[in-house]
């Protein structure tokens, strides 16, 4: 059931956005290591596809936005919903601007 379709402005340079994408992927992969079977990056590291048994997710950045889309349907309601929610939180938290004290 859970389909992911998320886009929001990142407010970063392309290089910073790619670094943040790497950070988000590292966190997702670390948190869901048992489920993620394959991670495939584009040559310029602005797009990545994560795949596992019963799901796929693509994350990418462009000049203005970060995007996430995927299908976690085969994991079912029990796992799919919490994983989709966690993925969205990781991406949003990684890209939100940090305020200086």
C-alpha atoms as a PDB file:
ATOM      1  CA  UNK A   1       0.000   0.000   0.000  1.00  0.00           C
ATOM      2  CA  UNK A   2       2.501   2.720   0.976  1.00  0.00           C
ATOM      3  CA  UNK A   3       3.592   4.634  -2.073  1.00  0.00           C
ATOM      4  CA  UNK A   4       6.084   7.409  -1.484  1.00  0.00           C
ATOM      5  CA  UNK A   5       5.993  10.603  -3.494  1.00  0.00           C
ATOM      6  CA  UNK A   6       7.761  13.493  -1.821  1.00  0.00           C
ATOM      7  CA  UNK A   7       9.366  16.691  -3.134  1.00  0.00           C
ATOM      8  CA  UNK A   8      10.469  19.825  -1.343  1.00  0.00           C
ATOM      9  CA  UNK A   9      12.911  22.695  -1.827  1.00  0.00           C
ATOM     10  CA  UNK A  10      16.341  22.020  -0.380  1.00  0.00           C
ATOM     11  CA  UNK A  11      17.873  25.517  -0.506  1.00  0.00           C
ATOM     12  CA  UNK A  12      21.379  24.143  -1.093  1.00  0.00           C
ATOM     13  CA  UNK A  13      24.003  24.304  -3.777  1.00  0.00           C
ATOM     14  CA  UNK A  14      24.036  21.242  -6.043  1.00  0.00           C
ATOM     15  CA  UNK A  15      27.187  19.953  -4.313  1.00  0.00           C
ATOM     16  CA  UNK A  16      25.673  20.388  -0.838  1.00  0.00           C
ATOM     17  CA  UNK A  17      22.469  18.718  -1.998  1.00  0.00           C
ATOM     18  CA  UNK A  18      24.414  15.704  -3.285  1.00  0.00           C
ATOM     19  CA  UNK A  19      26.305  15.456   0.027  1.00  0.00           C
ATOM     20  CA  UNK A  20      23.027  15.590   1.947  1.00  0.00           C
ATOM     21  CA  UNK A  21      21.599  12.916  -0.339  1.00  0.00           C
ATOM     22  CA  UNK A  22      24.578  10.702   0.518  1.00  0.00           C
ATOM     23  CA  UNK A  23      23.978  11.358   4.237  1.00  0.00           C
ATOM     24  CA  UNK A  24      20.295  10.463   3.931  1.00  0.00           C
ATOM     25  CA  UNK A  25      21.056   7.266   2.019  1.00  0.00           C
ATOM     26  CA  UNK A  26      23.690   6.259   4.574  1.00  0.00           C
ATOM     27  CA  UNK A  27      21.158   6.701   7.364  1.00  0.00           C
ATOM     28  CA  UNK A  28      18.380   4.838   5.533  1.00  0.00           C
ATOM     29  CA  UNK A  29      20.758   2.006   4.653  1.00  0.00           C
ATOM     30  CA  UNK A  30      22.052   1.831   8.216  1.00  0.00           C
ATOM     31  CA  UNK A  31      18.603   1.843   9.770  1.00  0.00           C
ATOM     32  CA  UNK A  32      17.117  -0.688   7.338  1.00  0.00           C
ATOM     33  CA  UNK A  33      20.251  -2.681   6.537  1.00  0.00           C
ATOM     34  CA  UNK A  34      18.433  -6.000   6.848  1.00  0.00           C
ATOM     35  CA  UNK A  35      15.928  -4.942   4.156  1.00  0.00           C
ATOM     36  CA  UNK A  36      18.072  -3.012   1.647  1.00  0.00           C
ATOM     37  CA  UNK A  37      19.651  -5.432  -0.820  1.00  0.00           C
ATOM     38  CA  UNK A  38      20.945  -3.094  -3.536  1.00  0.00           C
ATOM     39  CA  UNK A  39      21.954   0.577  -3.749  1.00  0.00           C
ATOM     40  CA  UNK A  40      22.655   2.001  -7.205  1.00  0.00           C
ATOM     41  CA  UNK A  41      23.974   5.548  -7.702  1.00  0.00           C
ATOM     42  CA  UNK A  42      23.931   7.619 -10.886  1.00  0.00           C
ATOM     43  CA  UNK A  43      27.329   8.649 -12.266  1.00  0.00           C
ATOM     44  CA  UNK A  44      27.014  12.192 -10.888  1.00  0.00           C
ATOM     45  CA  UNK A  45      25.712  10.989  -7.475  1.00  0.00           C
ATOM     46  CA  UNK A  46      22.537  13.105  -7.758  1.00  0.00           C
ATOM     47  CA  UNK A  47      20.205  10.080  -7.962  1.00  0.00           C
ATOM     48  CA  UNK A  48      20.083   6.789  -6.112  1.00  0.00           C
ATOM     49  CA  UNK A  49      17.838   3.738  -6.154  1.00  0.00           C
ATOM     50  CA  UNK A  50      17.495   1.486  -3.126  1.00  0.00           C
ATOM     51  CA  UNK A  51      15.941  -1.939  -3.622  1.00  0.00           C
ATOM     52  CA  UNK A  52      15.037  -4.816  -1.398  1.00  0.00           C
ATOM     53  CA  UNK A  53      12.644  -7.684  -1.224  1.00  0.00           C
ATOM     54  CA  UNK A  54       9.241  -6.184  -1.905  1.00  0.00           C
ATOM     55  CA  UNK A  55      10.211  -2.522  -2.250  1.00  0.00           C
ATOM     56  CA  UNK A  56      12.114   0.108  -4.184  1.00  0.00           C
ATOM     57  CA  UNK A  57      12.804   3.779  -3.498  1.00  0.00           C
ATOM     58  CA  UNK A  58      14.467   6.412  -5.677  1.00  0.00           C
ATOM     59  CA  UNK A  59      15.904   9.586  -4.198  1.00  0.00           C
ATOM     60  CA  UNK A  60      17.336  12.430  -6.247  1.00  0.00           C
ATOM     61  CA  UNK A  61      18.225  16.075  -6.097  1.00  0.00           C
ATOM     62  CA  UNK A  62      17.994  18.721  -8.762  1.00  0.00           C
ATOM     63  CA  UNK A  63      18.981  22.388  -8.650  1.00  0.00           C
ATOM     64  CA  UNK A  64      16.114  23.318  -6.333  1.00  0.00           C
ATOM     65  CA  UNK A  65      14.417  20.252  -4.864  1.00  0.00           C
ATOM     66  CA  UNK A  66      14.967  16.866  -3.308  1.00  0.00           C
ATOM     67  CA  UNK A  67      12.632  14.099  -4.442  1.00  0.00           C
ATOM     68  CA  UNK A  68      11.712  10.662  -3.151  1.00  0.00           C
ATOM     69  CA  UNK A  69       9.420   8.170  -4.757  1.00  0.00           C
ATOM     70  CA  UNK A  70       8.936   4.502  -4.420  1.00  0.00           C
ATOM     71  CA  UNK A  71       6.764   1.554  -3.657  1.00  0.00           C
ATOM     72  CA  UNK A  72       6.896  -0.286  -0.356  1.00  0.00           C
ATOM     73  CA  UNK A  73       3.658  -2.167  -0.987  1.00  0.00           C
ATOM     74  CA  UNK A  74       5.008  -5.686  -0.762  1.00  0.00           C
ATOM     75  CA  UNK A  75       6.258  -5.123   2.769  1.00  0.00           C
ATOM     76  CA  UNK A  76       2.627  -4.803   3.775  1.00  0.00           C
ATOM     77  CA  UNK A  77       0.884  -2.586   6.264  1.00  0.00           C
ATOM     78  CA  UNK A  78       2.847  -3.834   9.248  1.00  0.00           C
ATOM     79  CA  UNK A  79       6.269  -2.734   7.936  1.00  0.00           C
ATOM     80  CA  UNK A  80       5.490  -0.558   4.925  1.00  0.00           C
ATOM     81  CA  UNK A  81       3.830   2.325   6.752  1.00  0.00           C
ATOM     82  CA  UNK A  82       6.511   2.759   9.426  1.00  0.00           C
ATOM     83  CA  UNK A  83       9.314   2.436   6.867  1.00  0.00           C
ATOM     84  CA  UNK A  84       7.727   5.022   4.557  1.00  0.00           C
ATOM     85  CA  UNK A  85       7.293   7.399   7.496  1.00  0.00           C
ATOM     86  CA  UNK A  86      10.894   6.875   8.630  1.00  0.00           C
ATOM     87  CA  UNK A  87      12.215   7.457   5.123  1.00  0.00           C
ATOM     88  CA  UNK A  88      10.333  10.741   4.812  1.00  0.00           C
ATOM     89  CA  UNK A  89      11.592  11.882   8.225  1.00  0.00           C
ATOM     90  CA  UNK A  90      15.201  11.016   7.403  1.00  0.00           C
ATOM     91  CA  UNK A  91      15.125  12.895   4.099  1.00  0.00           C
ATOM     92  CA  UNK A  92      13.379  15.940   5.554  1.00  0.00           C
ATOM     93  CA  UNK A  93      15.650  16.128   8.608  1.00  0.00           C
ATOM     94  CA  UNK A  94      18.794  15.713   6.521  1.00  0.00           C
ATOM     95  CA  UNK A  95      17.867  18.596   4.249  1.00  0.00           C
ATOM     96  CA  UNK A  96      16.343  21.010   6.755  1.00  0.00           C
ATOM     97  CA  UNK A  97      18.486  24.052   7.377  1.00  0.00           C
ATOM     98  CA  UNK A  98      20.276  24.020  10.686  1.00  0.00           C
ATOM     99  CA  UNK A  99      19.882  27.225  12.655  1.00  0.00           C
ATOM    100  CA  UNK A 100      22.984  28.615  14.283  1.00  0.00           C
ATOM    101  CA  UNK A 101      22.775  29.272  18.048  1.00  0.00           C
END
